[in-house]
Amino acid sequence: MSRVLATAEAVIAAPRQAVYEFFVDRERGNGQLPLGFTLVRPGGTERAGVGARYRFGIGKLGPVEETIELVPAQRMRYEVISGMPVRRHTGTISFADAPTGGTTVTYQMESEPSLPAPAALVEPALRLLITRFLRAADKTLTT
């Protein structure tokens, strides 16, 4: 199967730095998502910095992702390194000032499943996951 790309965008009524920090520290969404993030290994220079690894799931079950790029208040990128039937899976989250105030968040997942799966099913599933992350950020940062 070839790669599948899913993207969603939302405006969150919070300052860009606060929104960026929410997504970089993956554990901050716990309680707002059906599954939680657990820090497996801190980043090279900061706890949630480049090289940080998080498990997304319950206990020791679930995929592990590694933060591979951080551009302060602009972008973060991660890749799944284990625990998912994929050849490759990356996420890119971009942050910009929204014209009406707040922060525009563009969240994109790119996945190349290692098992046969129709893109018509994978893409909506990825978009649903992205939407849940965006809602968790909005709820945490605006209430």
N, C-alpha and C. Protein backbone atom coordinates (compact mmCIF):
# COMPACT_ATOMS: atom_id res chain seq x y z
N MET A 1 0.84 -1.18 0.00
CA MET A 1 0.00 0.00 0.00
C MET A 1 0.88 1.24 0.00
N SER A 2 0.43 2.24 -0.67
CA SER A 2 1.18 3.50 -0.69
C SER A 2 0.85 4.35 0.52
N ARG A 3 1.49 5.48 0.59
CA ARG A 3 1.30 6.35 1.75
C ARG A 3 -0.09 6.96 1.77
N VAL A 4 -0.55 7.25 2.99
CA VAL A 4 -1.84 7.88 3.21
C VAL A 4 -1.58 9.18 3.96
N LEU A 5 -2.21 10.24 3.51
CA LEU A 5 -2.02 11.56 4.11
C LEU A 5 -3.36 12.05 4.65
N ALA A 6 -3.36 12.52 5.90
CA ALA A 6 -4.57 13.09 6.50
C ALA A 6 -4.19 14.40 7.16
N THR A 7 -5.02 15.43 6.96
CA THR A 7 -4.75 16.75 7.50
C THR A 7 -6.03 17.35 8.06
N ALA A 8 -5.88 18.06 9.16
CA ALA A 8 -7.00 18.83 9.72
C ALA A 8 -6.43 20.11 10.30
N GLU A 9 -7.28 21.12 10.35
CA GLU A 9 -6.86 22.43 10.84
C GLU A 9 -7.91 22.96 11.79
N ALA A 10 -7.45 23.69 12.81
CA ALA A 10 -8.38 24.29 13.77
C ALA A 10 -7.76 25.57 14.31
N VAL A 11 -8.61 26.47 14.75
CA VAL A 11 -8.15 27.67 15.44
C VAL A 11 -8.44 27.48 16.92
N ILE A 12 -7.41 27.63 17.72
CA ILE A 12 -7.54 27.49 19.17
C ILE A 12 -7.33 28.87 19.78
N ALA A 13 -8.27 29.28 20.61
CA ALA A 13 -8.26 30.63 21.19
C ALA A 13 -7.28 30.71 22.35
N ALA A 14 -6.01 30.53 22.02
CA ALA A 14 -4.94 30.60 23.02
C ALA A 14 -3.67 31.08 22.31
N PRO A 15 -2.74 31.65 23.05
CA PRO A 15 -1.49 32.12 22.44
C PRO A 15 -0.70 30.98 21.79
N ARG A 16 -0.01 31.32 20.72
CA ARG A 16 0.73 30.30 19.97
C ARG A 16 1.71 29.53 20.84
N GLN A 17 2.45 30.19 21.71
CA GLN A 17 3.43 29.50 22.55
C GLN A 17 2.75 28.47 23.46
N ALA A 18 1.60 28.82 24.02
CA ALA A 18 0.88 27.89 24.90
C ALA A 18 0.39 26.66 24.11
N VAL A 19 -0.09 26.90 22.90
CA VAL A 19 -0.58 25.79 22.07
C VAL A 19 0.59 24.88 21.67
N TYR A 20 1.68 25.49 21.27
CA TYR A 20 2.89 24.74 20.91
C TYR A 20 3.33 23.87 22.09
N GLU A 21 3.41 24.44 23.28
CA GLU A 21 3.84 23.69 24.45
C GLU A 21 2.90 22.54 24.78
N PHE A 22 1.60 22.74 24.55
CA PHE A 22 0.63 21.66 24.78
C PHE A 22 0.97 20.45 23.91
N PHE A 23 1.21 20.68 22.64
CA PHE A 23 1.47 19.57 21.72
C PHE A 23 2.85 18.95 21.93
N VAL A 24 3.85 19.76 22.26
CA VAL A 24 5.21 19.23 22.47
C VAL A 24 5.26 18.33 23.70
N ASP A 25 4.63 18.72 24.80
CA ASP A 25 4.57 17.88 25.99
C ASP A 25 3.36 16.97 25.82
N ARG A 26 3.57 15.84 25.19
CA ARG A 26 2.47 14.96 24.78
C ARG A 26 1.58 14.53 25.94
N GLU A 27 2.09 14.50 27.16
CA GLU A 27 1.29 14.06 28.31
C GLU A 27 0.22 15.08 28.72
N ARG A 28 0.31 16.30 28.24
CA ARG A 28 -0.65 17.34 28.65
C ARG A 28 -2.07 17.05 28.18
N GLY A 29 -2.23 16.23 27.16
CA GLY A 29 -3.57 15.90 26.67
C GLY A 29 -4.24 14.77 27.43
N ASN A 30 -3.50 14.14 28.33
CA ASN A 30 -4.08 13.04 29.10
C ASN A 30 -5.31 13.53 29.86
N GLY A 31 -6.32 12.71 29.85
CA GLY A 31 -7.59 13.08 30.49
C GLY A 31 -8.59 13.62 29.48
N GLN A 32 -8.09 14.12 28.36
CA GLN A 32 -8.97 14.64 27.30
C GLN A 32 -9.05 13.67 26.12
N LEU A 33 -8.20 12.66 26.13
CA LEU A 33 -8.14 11.68 25.04
C LEU A 33 -8.53 10.31 25.58
N PRO A 34 -9.07 9.44 24.73
CA PRO A 34 -9.46 8.11 25.20
C PRO A 34 -8.27 7.28 25.68
N LEU A 35 -7.07 7.53 25.14
CA LEU A 35 -5.86 6.86 25.56
C LEU A 35 -4.86 7.92 25.98
N GLY A 36 -3.89 7.53 26.78
CA GLY A 36 -2.94 8.53 27.28
C GLY A 36 -1.54 8.37 26.73
N PHE A 37 -0.74 9.40 26.94
CA PHE A 37 0.68 9.39 26.58
C PHE A 37 1.49 9.19 27.85
N THR A 38 2.55 8.40 27.75
CA THR A 38 3.48 8.20 28.85
C THR A 38 4.89 8.43 28.32
N LEU A 39 5.65 9.28 28.99
CA LEU A 39 7.03 9.52 28.59
C LEU A 39 7.84 8.25 28.84
N VAL A 40 8.47 7.74 27.80
CA VAL A 40 9.29 6.54 27.89
C VAL A 40 10.75 6.92 28.05
N ARG A 41 11.16 7.98 27.37
CA ARG A 41 12.54 8.46 27.43
C ARG A 41 12.54 9.97 27.20
N PRO A 42 13.19 10.74 28.06
CA PRO A 42 13.24 12.18 27.84
C PRO A 42 14.09 12.53 26.62
N GLY A 43 13.89 13.75 26.13
CA GLY A 43 14.67 14.24 25.01
C GLY A 43 16.13 14.45 25.39
N GLY A 44 16.93 14.77 24.38
CA GLY A 44 18.37 14.93 24.59
C GLY A 44 18.75 16.07 25.51
N THR A 45 18.11 17.22 25.36
CA THR A 45 18.47 18.38 26.19
C THR A 45 17.32 18.86 27.07
N GLU A 46 16.10 18.50 26.72
CA GLU A 46 14.92 18.87 27.51
C GLU A 46 14.02 17.66 27.64
N ARG A 47 13.25 17.62 28.71
CA ARG A 47 12.35 16.49 28.96
C ARG A 47 11.50 16.17 27.74
N ALA A 48 10.87 17.18 27.15
CA ALA A 48 9.99 16.97 25.99
C ALA A 48 10.66 17.42 24.69
N GLY A 49 12.00 17.43 24.67
CA GLY A 49 12.74 17.91 23.51
C GLY A 49 12.91 16.86 22.44
N VAL A 50 13.72 17.20 21.44
CA VAL A 50 14.02 16.27 20.36
C VAL A 50 14.62 15.00 20.97
N GLY A 51 14.13 13.87 20.51
CA GLY A 51 14.56 12.59 21.03
C GLY A 51 13.64 12.02 22.10
N ALA A 52 12.71 12.84 22.62
CA ALA A 52 11.76 12.34 23.62
C ALA A 52 10.89 11.25 22.98
N ARG A 53 10.64 10.22 23.75
CA ARG A 53 9.80 9.12 23.27
C ARG A 53 8.60 8.97 24.18
N TYR A 54 7.44 8.83 23.56
CA TYR A 54 6.17 8.67 24.28
C TYR A 54 5.45 7.44 23.78
N ARG A 55 4.86 6.71 24.73
CA ARG A 55 3.95 5.61 24.35
C ARG A 55 2.53 6.17 24.39
N PHE A 56 1.76 5.87 23.35
CA PHE A 56 0.38 6.30 23.25
C PHE A 56 -0.49 5.07 23.39
N GLY A 57 -1.13 4.90 24.54
CA GLY A 57 -1.94 3.72 24.75
C GLY A 57 -2.25 3.54 26.22
N ILE A 58 -2.35 2.27 26.60
CA ILE A 58 -2.65 1.91 27.98
C ILE A 58 -1.49 1.08 28.51
N GLY A 59 -0.88 1.55 29.59
CA GLY A 59 0.26 0.82 30.15
C GLY A 59 1.38 0.69 29.15
N LYS A 60 1.82 -0.55 28.93
CA LYS A 60 2.92 -0.79 27.99
C LYS A 60 2.41 -1.18 26.60
N LEU A 61 1.12 -1.02 26.38
CA LEU A 61 0.53 -1.34 25.08
C LEU A 61 0.34 -0.07 24.27
N GLY A 62 0.71 -0.13 23.02
CA GLY A 62 0.51 1.01 22.13
C GLY A 62 1.79 1.43 21.44
N PRO A 63 1.63 2.23 20.41
CA PRO A 63 2.81 2.67 19.65
C PRO A 63 3.68 3.64 20.44
N VAL A 64 4.95 3.66 20.08
CA VAL A 64 5.91 4.60 20.66
C VAL A 64 6.29 5.59 19.55
N GLU A 65 6.21 6.86 19.89
CA GLU A 65 6.60 7.89 18.93
C GLU A 65 7.80 8.66 19.49
N GLU A 66 8.61 9.18 18.58
CA GLU A 66 9.78 9.96 18.97
C GLU A 66 9.70 11.34 18.33
N THR A 67 9.95 12.36 19.14
CA THR A 67 9.99 13.73 18.64
C THR A 67 11.26 13.88 17.80
N ILE A 68 11.10 14.28 16.53
CA ILE A 68 12.26 14.37 15.64
C ILE A 68 12.60 15.79 15.23
N GLU A 69 11.68 16.74 15.44
CA GLU A 69 11.98 18.13 15.10
C GLU A 69 11.12 19.06 15.94
N LEU A 70 11.75 20.12 16.44
CA LEU A 70 11.03 21.17 17.15
C LEU A 70 11.54 22.52 16.65
N VAL A 71 10.63 23.32 16.17
CA VAL A 71 10.92 24.71 15.81
C VAL A 71 10.02 25.53 16.72
N PRO A 72 10.58 26.15 17.76
CA PRO A 72 9.77 26.79 18.79
C PRO A 72 8.64 27.66 18.25
N ALA A 73 7.42 27.35 18.74
CA ALA A 73 6.18 28.06 18.42
C ALA A 73 5.83 28.04 16.95
N GLN A 74 6.49 27.18 16.16
CA GLN A 74 6.17 27.08 14.73
C GLN A 74 5.80 25.66 14.28
N ARG A 75 6.60 24.66 14.73
CA ARG A 75 6.35 23.32 14.21
C ARG A 75 6.97 22.27 15.12
N MET A 76 6.31 21.12 15.17
CA MET A 76 6.90 19.93 15.78
C MET A 76 6.63 18.76 14.85
N ARG A 77 7.58 17.81 14.84
CA ARG A 77 7.41 16.60 14.04
C ARG A 77 7.78 15.39 14.90
N TYR A 78 7.07 14.31 14.66
CA TYR A 78 7.37 13.07 15.36
C TYR A 78 7.23 11.92 14.38
N GLU A 79 7.80 10.78 14.76
CA GLU A 79 7.61 9.57 13.96
C GLU A 79 7.34 8.41 14.90
N VAL A 80 6.52 7.48 14.45
CA VAL A 80 6.26 6.27 15.22
C VAL A 80 7.44 5.34 14.97
N ILE A 81 8.04 4.86 16.05
CA ILE A 81 9.22 4.00 15.92
C ILE A 81 8.93 2.54 16.26
N SER A 82 7.79 2.27 16.89
CA SER A 82 7.43 0.88 17.17
C SER A 82 5.95 0.81 17.57
N GLY A 83 5.43 -0.42 17.51
CA GLY A 83 4.09 -0.67 18.04
C GLY A 83 2.94 -0.45 17.09
N MET A 84 3.21 -0.14 15.82
CA MET A 84 2.13 0.02 14.82
C MET A 84 2.51 -0.75 13.57
N PRO A 85 1.53 -1.33 12.89
CA PRO A 85 1.84 -2.05 11.66
C PRO A 85 2.04 -1.07 10.49
N VAL A 86 3.14 -0.32 10.56
CA VAL A 86 3.45 0.67 9.52
C VAL A 86 4.92 0.55 9.13
N ARG A 87 5.18 0.87 7.87
CA ARG A 87 6.57 1.01 7.42
C ARG A 87 7.10 2.34 7.91
N ARG A 88 6.19 3.32 7.90
CA ARG A 88 6.57 4.68 8.29
C ARG A 88 5.31 5.43 8.68
N HIS A 89 5.41 6.21 9.76
CA HIS A 89 4.30 7.08 10.17
C HIS A 89 4.91 8.32 10.81
N THR A 90 4.56 9.49 10.28
CA THR A 90 5.04 10.74 10.85
C THR A 90 3.87 11.68 11.07
N GLY A 91 4.07 12.57 12.01
CA GLY A 91 3.10 13.62 12.27
C GLY A 91 3.81 14.96 12.25
N THR A 92 3.19 15.94 11.63
CA THR A 92 3.71 17.30 11.60
C THR A 92 2.62 18.22 12.09
N ILE A 93 2.94 19.01 13.10
CA ILE A 93 1.97 19.95 13.66
C ILE A 93 2.57 21.34 13.52
N SER A 94 1.86 22.21 12.79
CA SER A 94 2.34 23.57 12.53
C SER A 94 1.46 24.57 13.25
N PHE A 95 2.07 25.67 13.69
CA PHE A 95 1.38 26.69 14.48
C PHE A 95 1.60 28.06 13.83
N ALA A 96 0.52 28.83 13.72
CA ALA A 96 0.61 30.19 13.16
C ALA A 96 -0.42 31.06 13.87
N ASP A 97 -0.16 32.35 13.89
CA ASP A 97 -1.14 33.27 14.46
C ASP A 97 -2.37 33.28 13.56
N ALA A 98 -3.54 33.12 14.17
CA ALA A 98 -4.79 33.16 13.41
C ALA A 98 -5.17 34.62 13.15
N PRO A 99 -5.70 34.92 11.97
CA PRO A 99 -6.06 36.31 11.64
C PRO A 99 -7.07 36.91 12.61
N THR A 100 -7.91 36.06 13.20
CA THR A 100 -8.94 36.55 14.11
C THR A 100 -8.52 36.46 15.58
N GLY A 101 -7.25 36.10 15.82
CA GLY A 101 -6.75 35.90 17.18
C GLY A 101 -6.63 34.43 17.47
N GLY A 102 -5.80 34.11 18.43
CA GLY A 102 -5.57 32.71 18.75
C GLY A 102 -4.52 32.11 17.83
N THR A 103 -4.56 30.80 17.73
CA THR A 103 -3.54 30.05 16.98
C THR A 103 -4.19 29.10 15.99
N THR A 104 -3.73 29.15 14.75
CA THR A 104 -4.14 28.17 13.75
C THR A 104 -3.20 26.98 13.86
N VAL A 105 -3.77 25.81 14.07
CA VAL A 105 -3.00 24.58 14.17
C VAL A 105 -3.32 23.73 12.95
N THR A 106 -2.30 23.36 12.22
CA THR A 106 -2.44 22.45 11.09
C THR A 106 -1.73 21.16 11.46
N TYR A 107 -2.49 20.08 11.52
CA TYR A 107 -1.95 18.78 11.98
C TYR A 107 -2.05 17.82 10.81
N GLN A 108 -0.91 17.26 10.44
CA GLN A 108 -0.87 16.34 9.31
C GLN A 108 -0.21 15.03 9.75
N MET A 109 -0.84 13.92 9.39
CA MET A 109 -0.25 12.60 9.60
C MET A 109 -0.02 11.97 8.23
N GLU A 110 1.14 11.37 8.09
CA GLU A 110 1.47 10.63 6.87
C GLU A 110 1.84 9.22 7.29
N SER A 111 1.17 8.25 6.71
CA SER A 111 1.36 6.87 7.15
C SER A 111 1.50 5.95 5.94
N GLU A 112 2.38 4.98 6.10
CA GLU A 112 2.55 3.94 5.09
C GLU A 112 2.37 2.60 5.79
N PRO A 113 1.13 2.09 5.81
CA PRO A 113 0.87 0.82 6.51
C PRO A 113 1.67 -0.33 5.92
N SER A 114 2.08 -1.26 6.79
CA SER A 114 2.80 -2.44 6.32
C SER A 114 1.84 -3.58 6.00
N LEU A 115 0.59 -3.45 6.44
CA LEU A 115 -0.43 -4.44 6.13
C LEU A 115 -1.37 -3.87 5.07
N PRO A 116 -1.97 -4.72 4.26
CA PRO A 116 -2.92 -4.20 3.28
C PRO A 116 -4.12 -3.55 3.96
N ALA A 117 -4.34 -2.30 3.64
CA ALA A 117 -5.48 -1.56 4.19
C ALA A 117 -5.87 -0.50 3.18
N PRO A 118 -7.14 -0.41 2.85
CA PRO A 118 -7.56 0.58 1.86
C PRO A 118 -7.41 2.01 2.39
N ALA A 119 -6.85 2.86 1.56
CA ALA A 119 -6.68 4.26 1.94
C ALA A 119 -8.01 4.89 2.32
N ALA A 120 -9.09 4.41 1.71
CA ALA A 120 -10.42 4.95 2.01
C ALA A 120 -10.82 4.70 3.46
N LEU A 121 -10.17 3.76 4.13
CA LEU A 121 -10.44 3.51 5.56
C LEU A 121 -9.37 4.14 6.44
N VAL A 122 -8.12 4.11 6.00
CA VAL A 122 -7.02 4.61 6.82
C VAL A 122 -7.09 6.13 6.96
N GLU A 123 -7.32 6.83 5.88
CA GLU A 123 -7.32 8.30 5.91
C GLU A 123 -8.38 8.86 6.87
N PRO A 124 -9.64 8.41 6.82
CA PRO A 124 -10.62 8.92 7.79
C PRO A 124 -10.27 8.56 9.24
N ALA A 125 -9.66 7.41 9.46
CA ALA A 125 -9.27 7.02 10.82
C ALA A 125 -8.17 7.97 11.34
N LEU A 126 -7.21 8.29 10.49
CA LEU A 126 -6.17 9.24 10.88
C LEU A 126 -6.76 10.62 11.14
N ARG A 127 -7.66 11.05 10.27
CA ARG A 127 -8.27 12.37 10.45
C ARG A 127 -9.07 12.43 11.74
N LEU A 128 -9.76 11.36 12.09
CA LEU A 128 -10.51 11.30 13.36
C LEU A 128 -9.55 11.44 14.54
N LEU A 129 -8.42 10.77 14.49
CA LEU A 129 -7.43 10.86 15.56
C LEU A 129 -6.91 12.30 15.67
N ILE A 130 -6.61 12.91 14.53
CA ILE A 130 -6.14 14.30 14.53
C ILE A 130 -7.19 15.21 15.16
N THR A 131 -8.43 15.04 14.78
CA THR A 131 -9.52 15.87 15.29
C THR A 131 -9.63 15.75 16.80
N ARG A 132 -9.44 14.54 17.32
CA ARG A 132 -9.49 14.35 18.78
C ARG A 132 -8.36 15.09 19.48
N PHE A 133 -7.17 15.07 18.88
CA PHE A 133 -6.05 15.83 19.45
C PHE A 133 -6.36 17.33 19.45
N LEU A 134 -6.89 17.82 18.35
CA LEU A 134 -7.22 19.25 18.25
C LEU A 134 -8.28 19.65 19.27
N ARG A 135 -9.29 18.83 19.43
CA ARG A 135 -10.34 19.11 20.44
C ARG A 135 -9.78 19.08 21.85
N ALA A 136 -8.88 18.13 22.13
CA ALA A 136 -8.28 18.05 23.46
C ALA A 136 -7.48 19.31 23.75
N ALA A 137 -6.75 19.79 22.76
CA ALA A 137 -5.97 21.03 22.95
C ALA A 137 -6.91 22.20 23.21
N ASP A 138 -7.96 22.30 22.41
CA ASP A 138 -8.92 23.40 22.56
C ASP A 138 -9.55 23.38 23.95
N LYS A 139 -10.00 22.19 24.36
CA LYS A 139 -10.67 22.07 25.66
C LYS A 139 -9.71 22.39 26.81
N THR A 140 -8.49 21.89 26.73
CA THR A 140 -7.52 22.12 27.80
C THR A 140 -7.10 23.59 27.89
N LEU A 141 -6.90 24.21 26.75
CA LEU A 141 -6.33 25.56 26.72
C LEU A 141 -7.36 26.68 26.81
N THR A 142 -8.64 26.38 26.60
CA THR A 142 -9.64 27.45 26.58
C THR A 142 -10.68 27.33 27.69
N THR A 143 -10.58 26.33 28.54
CA THR A 143 -11.55 26.23 29.64
C THR A 143 -10.88 26.42 30.98
